[in-house]
């Protein structure tokens, strides 16, 4: 199974993010049922490891916290922008949760990306989008904000790759409990 750990986004916030769609040539917009905030990509894992992941993350405890999306940015270069994404307001609680998830998975021998965690939600994949068009969209969305929302759970997702894109499915839900120091 191809797995990742992520936060599912409330429907009301997904609706707000849909309002951020602007006319942008070459943009393939992410469908609401595919919107999530990835905490850790785990890659291809066996059924045995899947069960170990579930057992390990079931023991992770954390106090609920509030998040909000603000403005947009992009991955890629000015010459070849690849992805348009919603930025997350700074959250030490989110960073701590991500570190705990990663640590739990690393203890199981799962290799986690070494690059710095950049919390974001992918809005669109860009194909031959000019930077001039992208810059206009970035400017139009510079003050965009969602309502704040509470994070009291996270999920283990599976991902199946298809020619038209990946399909994600929640495999296991982990509710957050009291913070353990």
C-alpha atoms as a PDB file:
ATOM      1  CA  UNK A   1       0.000   0.000   0.000  1.00  0.00           C
ATOM      2  CA  UNK A   2       1.186   3.537  -0.793  1.00  0.00           C
ATOM      3  CA  UNK A   3       0.533   5.449   2.445  1.00  0.00           C
ATOM      4  CA  UNK A   4       0.681   8.924   3.947  1.00  0.00           C
ATOM      5  CA  UNK A   5      -0.481  10.557   7.179  1.00  0.00           C
ATOM      6  CA  UNK A   6      -2.549  13.717   6.820  1.00  0.00           C
ATOM      7  CA  UNK A   7      -5.150  15.992   8.329  1.00  0.00           C
ATOM      8  CA  UNK A   8      -8.523  15.867   6.635  1.00  0.00           C
ATOM      9  CA  UNK A   9     -10.001  19.318   6.055  1.00  0.00           C
ATOM     10  CA  UNK A  10     -13.564  20.189   7.181  1.00  0.00           C
ATOM     11  CA  UNK A  11     -16.117  20.530   4.368  1.00  0.00           C
ATOM     12  CA  UNK A  12     -16.827  24.172   5.280  1.00  0.00           C
ATOM     13  CA  UNK A  13     -13.135  25.039   4.797  1.00  0.00           C
ATOM     14  CA  UNK A  14     -12.976  23.060   1.536  1.00  0.00           C
ATOM     15  CA  UNK A  15     -15.918  25.166   0.328  1.00  0.00           C
ATOM     16  CA  UNK A  16     -13.969  28.330   1.172  1.00  0.00           C
ATOM     17  CA  UNK A  17     -10.894  27.005  -0.653  1.00  0.00           C
ATOM     18  CA  UNK A  18     -13.045  26.325  -3.732  1.00  0.00           C
ATOM     19  CA  UNK A  19     -13.746  30.069  -3.728  1.00  0.00           C
ATOM     20  CA  UNK A  20     -10.021  30.628  -4.229  1.00  0.00           C
ATOM     21  CA  UNK A  21     -10.166  29.152  -7.726  1.00  0.00           C
ATOM     22  CA  UNK A  22      -9.291  31.837 -10.221  1.00  0.00           C
ATOM     23  CA  UNK A  23      -9.004  31.814 -13.991  1.00  0.00           C
ATOM     24  CA  UNK A  24      -5.541  30.353 -14.469  1.00  0.00           C
ATOM     25  CA  UNK A  25      -4.509  28.780 -17.745  1.00  0.00           C
ATOM     26  CA  UNK A  26      -2.975  25.335 -17.304  1.00  0.00           C
ATOM     27  CA  UNK A  27      -4.316  24.797 -13.764  1.00  0.00           C
ATOM     28  CA  UNK A  28      -5.781  21.396 -12.894  1.00  0.00           C
ATOM     29  CA  UNK A  29      -7.671  22.115  -9.674  1.00  0.00           C
ATOM     30  CA  UNK A  30      -7.715  19.582  -6.835  1.00  0.00           C
ATOM     31  CA  UNK A  31     -11.163  18.175  -6.125  1.00  0.00           C
ATOM     32  CA  UNK A  32     -12.523  18.821  -2.611  1.00  0.00           C
ATOM     33  CA  UNK A  33     -12.499  15.116  -1.687  1.00  0.00           C
ATOM     34  CA  UNK A  34      -8.750  15.086  -2.376  1.00  0.00           C
ATOM     35  CA  UNK A  35      -7.903  18.112  -0.173  1.00  0.00           C
ATOM     36  CA  UNK A  36      -5.754  17.326   2.849  1.00  0.00           C
ATOM     37  CA  UNK A  37      -2.726  18.574   4.770  1.00  0.00           C
ATOM     38  CA  UNK A  38       0.048  15.961   4.584  1.00  0.00           C
ATOM     39  CA  UNK A  39       2.051  15.341   7.758  1.00  0.00           C
ATOM     40  CA  UNK A  40       4.272  12.500   6.495  1.00  0.00           C
ATOM     41  CA  UNK A  41       4.580  10.511   3.272  1.00  0.00           C
ATOM     42  CA  UNK A  42       5.300   6.868   4.106  1.00  0.00           C
ATOM     43  CA  UNK A  43       5.577   5.366   0.610  1.00  0.00           C
ATOM     44  CA  UNK A  44       4.898   1.751  -0.304  1.00  0.00           C
ATOM     45  CA  UNK A  45       4.357  -0.391   2.805  1.00  0.00           C
ATOM     46  CA  UNK A  46       3.375  -4.011   3.400  1.00  0.00           C
ATOM     47  CA  UNK A  47       0.206  -5.055   5.242  1.00  0.00           C
ATOM     48  CA  UNK A  48       2.294  -5.956   8.302  1.00  0.00           C
ATOM     49  CA  UNK A  49       3.852  -2.480   8.428  1.00  0.00           C
ATOM     50  CA  UNK A  50       0.406  -0.931   7.858  1.00  0.00           C
ATOM     51  CA  UNK A  51      -0.830  -2.606  11.059  1.00  0.00           C
ATOM     52  CA  UNK A  52       2.310  -1.523  12.949  1.00  0.00           C
ATOM     53  CA  UNK A  53       1.738   2.070  11.788  1.00  0.00           C
ATOM     54  CA  UNK A  54      -1.872   1.960  12.999  1.00  0.00           C
ATOM     55  CA  UNK A  55      -0.835   0.546  16.385  1.00  0.00           C
ATOM     56  CA  UNK A  56       1.959   3.098  16.812  1.00  0.00           C
ATOM     57  CA  UNK A  57      -0.063   6.162  15.799  1.00  0.00           C
ATOM     58  CA  UNK A  58      -3.007   5.031  17.925  1.00  0.00           C
ATOM     59  CA  UNK A  59      -0.765   5.728  20.920  1.00  0.00           C
ATOM     60  CA  UNK A  60       0.112   9.269  19.826  1.00  0.00           C
ATOM     61  CA  UNK A  61      -1.650  11.787  22.057  1.00  0.00           C
ATOM     62  CA  UNK A  62      -2.025  15.491  21.474  1.00  0.00           C
ATOM     63  CA  UNK A  63      -4.320  18.322  22.494  1.00  0.00           C
ATOM     64  CA  UNK A  64      -6.658  19.685  19.792  1.00  0.00           C
ATOM     65  CA  UNK A  65      -5.526  22.924  18.162  1.00  0.00           C
ATOM     66  CA  UNK A  66      -6.729  25.550  15.703  1.00  0.00           C
ATOM     67  CA  UNK A  67      -5.521  26.083  12.121  1.00  0.00           C
ATOM     68  CA  UNK A  68      -6.317  28.418   9.259  1.00  0.00           C
ATOM     69  CA  UNK A  69      -5.192  28.728   5.639  1.00  0.00           C
ATOM     70  CA  UNK A  70      -3.901  32.060   4.399  1.00  0.00           C
ATOM     71  CA  UNK A  71      -2.861  33.263   0.959  1.00  0.00           C
ATOM     72  CA  UNK A  72      -1.246  31.106  -1.726  1.00  0.00           C
ATOM     73  CA  UNK A  73       2.188  30.312  -3.049  1.00  0.00           C
ATOM     74  CA  UNK A  74       3.726  27.987  -5.605  1.00  0.00           C
ATOM     75  CA  UNK A  75       6.327  25.265  -5.981  1.00  0.00           C
ATOM     76  CA  UNK A  76       8.582  25.187  -9.006  1.00  0.00           C
ATOM     77  CA  UNK A  77      10.431  28.008 -10.664  1.00  0.00           C
ATOM     78  CA  UNK A  78       9.330  31.167 -12.445  1.00  0.00           C
ATOM     79  CA  UNK A  79      10.227  29.359 -15.647  1.00  0.00           C
ATOM     80  CA  UNK A  80       8.211  26.258 -14.764  1.00  0.00           C
ATOM     81  CA  UNK A  81       5.733  26.683 -11.879  1.00  0.00           C
ATOM     82  CA  UNK A  82       4.353  23.231 -10.917  1.00  0.00           C
ATOM     83  CA  UNK A  83       1.956  23.552  -7.996  1.00  0.00           C
ATOM     84  CA  UNK A  84      -0.308  26.226  -6.506  1.00  0.00           C
ATOM     85  CA  UNK A  85      -0.867  25.758  -2.767  1.00  0.00           C
ATOM     86  CA  UNK A  86      -2.619  27.283   0.238  1.00  0.00           C
ATOM     87  CA  UNK A  87      -0.318  28.377   3.027  1.00  0.00           C
ATOM     88  CA  UNK A  88      -1.002  27.527   6.686  1.00  0.00           C
ATOM     89  CA  UNK A  89      -0.836  30.196   9.395  1.00  0.00           C
ATOM     90  CA  UNK A  90       2.105  29.517  11.677  1.00  0.00           C
ATOM     91  CA  UNK A  91       1.270  26.806  14.222  1.00  0.00           C
ATOM     92  CA  UNK A  92       3.711  25.347  16.715  1.00  0.00           C
ATOM     93  CA  UNK A  93       1.091  22.690  17.568  1.00  0.00           C
ATOM     94  CA  UNK A  94       0.974  21.541  13.938  1.00  0.00           C
ATOM     95  CA  UNK A  95       4.774  21.370  13.774  1.00  0.00           C
ATOM     96  CA  UNK A  96       4.873  19.336  16.998  1.00  0.00           C
ATOM     97  CA  UNK A  97       2.211  16.932  15.706  1.00  0.00           C
ATOM     98  CA  UNK A  98       4.135  16.453  12.462  1.00  0.00           C
ATOM     99  CA  UNK A  99       7.359  15.714  14.373  1.00  0.00           C
ATOM    100  CA  UNK A 100       5.599  13.195  16.606  1.00  0.00           C
ATOM    101  CA  UNK A 101       4.016  11.416  13.612  1.00  0.00           C
ATOM    102  CA  UNK A 102       7.375  11.291  11.828  1.00  0.00           C
ATOM    103  CA  UNK A 103       9.166   9.982  14.923  1.00  0.00           C
ATOM    104  CA  UNK A 104       6.571   7.239  15.476  1.00  0.00           C
ATOM    105  CA  UNK A 105       6.992   6.118  11.848  1.00  0.00           C
ATOM    106  CA  UNK A 106      10.810   6.316  11.906  1.00  0.00           C
ATOM    107  CA  UNK A 107      10.884   4.036  14.970  1.00  0.00           C
ATOM    108  CA  UNK A 108       9.151   1.450  12.734  1.00  0.00           C
ATOM    109  CA  UNK A 109      11.991   1.789  10.199  1.00  0.00           C
ATOM    110  CA  UNK A 110      10.041   3.948   7.746  1.00  0.00           C
ATOM    111  CA  UNK A 111      12.188   6.505   5.956  1.00  0.00           C
ATOM    112  CA  UNK A 112      10.645   9.988   6.225  1.00  0.00           C
ATOM    113  CA  UNK A 113      11.653  12.835   3.906  1.00  0.00           C
ATOM    114  CA  UNK A 114      14.592  14.742   5.354  1.00  0.00           C
ATOM    115  CA  UNK A 115      13.676  18.126   3.891  1.00  0.00           C
ATOM    116  CA  UNK A 116      12.088  20.679   6.187  1.00  0.00           C
ATOM    117  CA  UNK A 117       8.327  20.229   6.647  1.00  0.00           C
ATOM    118  CA  UNK A 118       6.406  22.942   4.795  1.00  0.00           C
ATOM    119  CA  UNK A 119       2.714  22.686   5.788  1.00  0.00           C
ATOM    120  CA  UNK A 120       0.476  23.392   2.814  1.00  0.00           C
ATOM    121  CA  UNK A 121      -2.611  22.239   0.943  1.00  0.00           C
ATOM    122  CA  UNK A 122      -2.287  21.665  -2.800  1.00  0.00           C
ATOM    123  CA  UNK A 123      -4.887  23.704  -4.693  1.00  0.00           C
ATOM    124  CA  UNK A 124      -3.863  23.015  -8.300  1.00  0.00           C
ATOM    125  CA  UNK A 125      -1.271  21.294 -10.438  1.00  0.00           C
ATOM    126  CA  UNK A 126       0.115  23.621 -13.085  1.00  0.00           C
ATOM    127  CA  UNK A 127       0.868  22.575 -16.641  1.00  0.00           C
ATOM    128  CA  UNK A 128       2.589  25.129 -18.860  1.00  0.00           C
ATOM    129  CA  UNK A 129       1.230  27.977 -16.765  1.00  0.00           C
ATOM    130  CA  UNK A 130       3.045  31.227 -17.480  1.00  0.00           C
ATOM    131  CA  UNK A 131       4.573  32.996 -14.512  1.00  0.00           C
ATOM    132  CA  UNK A 132       2.805  36.221 -15.570  1.00  0.00           C
ATOM    133  CA  UNK A 133      -0.593  34.477 -15.249  1.00  0.00           C
ATOM    134  CA  UNK A 134       0.480  32.869 -11.977  1.00  0.00           C
ATOM    135  CA  UNK A 135       1.693  36.208 -10.564  1.00  0.00           C
ATOM    136  CA  UNK A 136      -1.741  37.773 -11.268  1.00  0.00           C
ATOM    137  CA  UNK A 137      -3.399  34.885  -9.399  1.00  0.00           C
ATOM    138  CA  UNK A 138      -0.989  35.172  -6.481  1.00  0.00           C
ATOM    139  CA  UNK A 139      -1.745  38.872  -6.237  1.00  0.00           C
ATOM    140  CA  UNK A 140      -5.513  38.290  -6.428  1.00  0.00           C
ATOM    141  CA  UNK A 141      -5.282  35.738  -3.600  1.00  0.00           C
ATOM    142  CA  UNK A 142      -2.727  37.571  -1.451  1.00  0.00           C
ATOM    143  CA  UNK A 143      -5.297  38.426   1.226  1.00  0.00           C
ATOM    144  CA  UNK A 144      -7.289  35.187   1.056  1.00  0.00           C
ATOM    145  CA  UNK A 145      -7.993  33.569   4.426  1.00  0.00           C
ATOM    146  CA  UNK A 146     -10.187  30.705   5.555  1.00  0.00           C
ATOM    147  CA  UNK A 147     -12.083  30.634   8.800  1.00  0.00           C
ATOM    148  CA  UNK A 148     -10.093  28.983  11.587  1.00  0.00           C
ATOM    149  CA  UNK A 149     -10.898  25.321  12.202  1.00  0.00           C
ATOM    150  CA  UNK A 150     -10.086  22.805  14.940  1.00  0.00           C
ATOM    151  CA  UNK A 151      -7.787  19.840  14.471  1.00  0.00           C
ATOM    152  CA  UNK A 152      -8.763  16.994  16.775  1.00  0.00           C
ATOM    153  CA  UNK A 153      -7.829  14.054  14.550  1.00  0.00           C
ATOM    154  CA  UNK A 154      -5.585  12.947  11.716  1.00  0.00           C
ATOM    155  CA  UNK A 155      -5.776  10.074   9.256  1.00  0.00           C
ATOM    156  CA  UNK A 156      -3.722   7.395   7.567  1.00  0.00           C
ATOM    157  CA  UNK A 157      -4.479   7.562   3.848  1.00  0.00           C
ATOM    158  CA  UNK A 158      -3.744   5.190   1.002  1.00  0.00           C
ATOM    159  CA  UNK A 159      -2.997   6.527  -2.449  1.00  0.00           C
ATOM    160  CA  UNK A 160      -3.628   4.716  -5.713  1.00  0.00           C
ATOM    161  CA  UNK A 161      -2.071   6.208  -8.826  1.00  0.00           C
ATOM    162  CA  UNK A 162      -4.189   6.391 -12.000  1.00  0.00           C
ATOM    163  CA  UNK A 163      -3.504   8.104 -15.344  1.00  0.00           C
ATOM    164  CA  UNK A 164      -5.953  10.888 -14.417  1.00  0.00           C
ATOM    165  CA  UNK A 165      -4.323  11.378 -10.999  1.00  0.00           C
ATOM    166  CA  UNK A 166      -4.060   9.849  -7.549  1.00  0.00           C
ATOM    167  CA  UNK A 167      -7.098   8.655  -5.624  1.00  0.00           C
ATOM    168  CA  UNK A 168      -6.871   8.949  -1.840  1.00  0.00           C
ATOM    169  CA  UNK A 169      -8.771   6.892   0.716  1.00  0.00           C
ATOM    170  CA  UNK A 170      -8.869   7.186   4.508  1.00  0.00           C
ATOM    171  CA  UNK A 171      -7.644   3.875   5.913  1.00  0.00           C
ATOM    172  CA  UNK A 172      -7.597   4.747   9.618  1.00  0.00           C
ATOM    173  CA  UNK A 173      -8.631   7.715  11.778  1.00  0.00           C
ATOM    174  CA  UNK A 174      -6.698   8.782  14.879  1.00  0.00           C
ATOM    175  CA  UNK A 175      -8.514  11.057  17.331  1.00  0.00           C
ATOM    176  CA  UNK A 176      -6.341  13.360  19.368  1.00  0.00           C
ATOM    177  CA  UNK A 177      -6.447  13.201  23.157  1.00  0.00           C
ATOM    178  CA  UNK A 178      -4.816  15.081  25.971  1.00  0.00           C
ATOM    179  CA  UNK A 179      -1.333  16.460  25.500  1.00  0.00           C
ATOM    180  CA  UNK A 180       1.386  14.296  27.063  1.00  0.00           C
ATOM    181  CA  UNK A 181       4.548  16.156  28.069  1.00  0.00           C
END
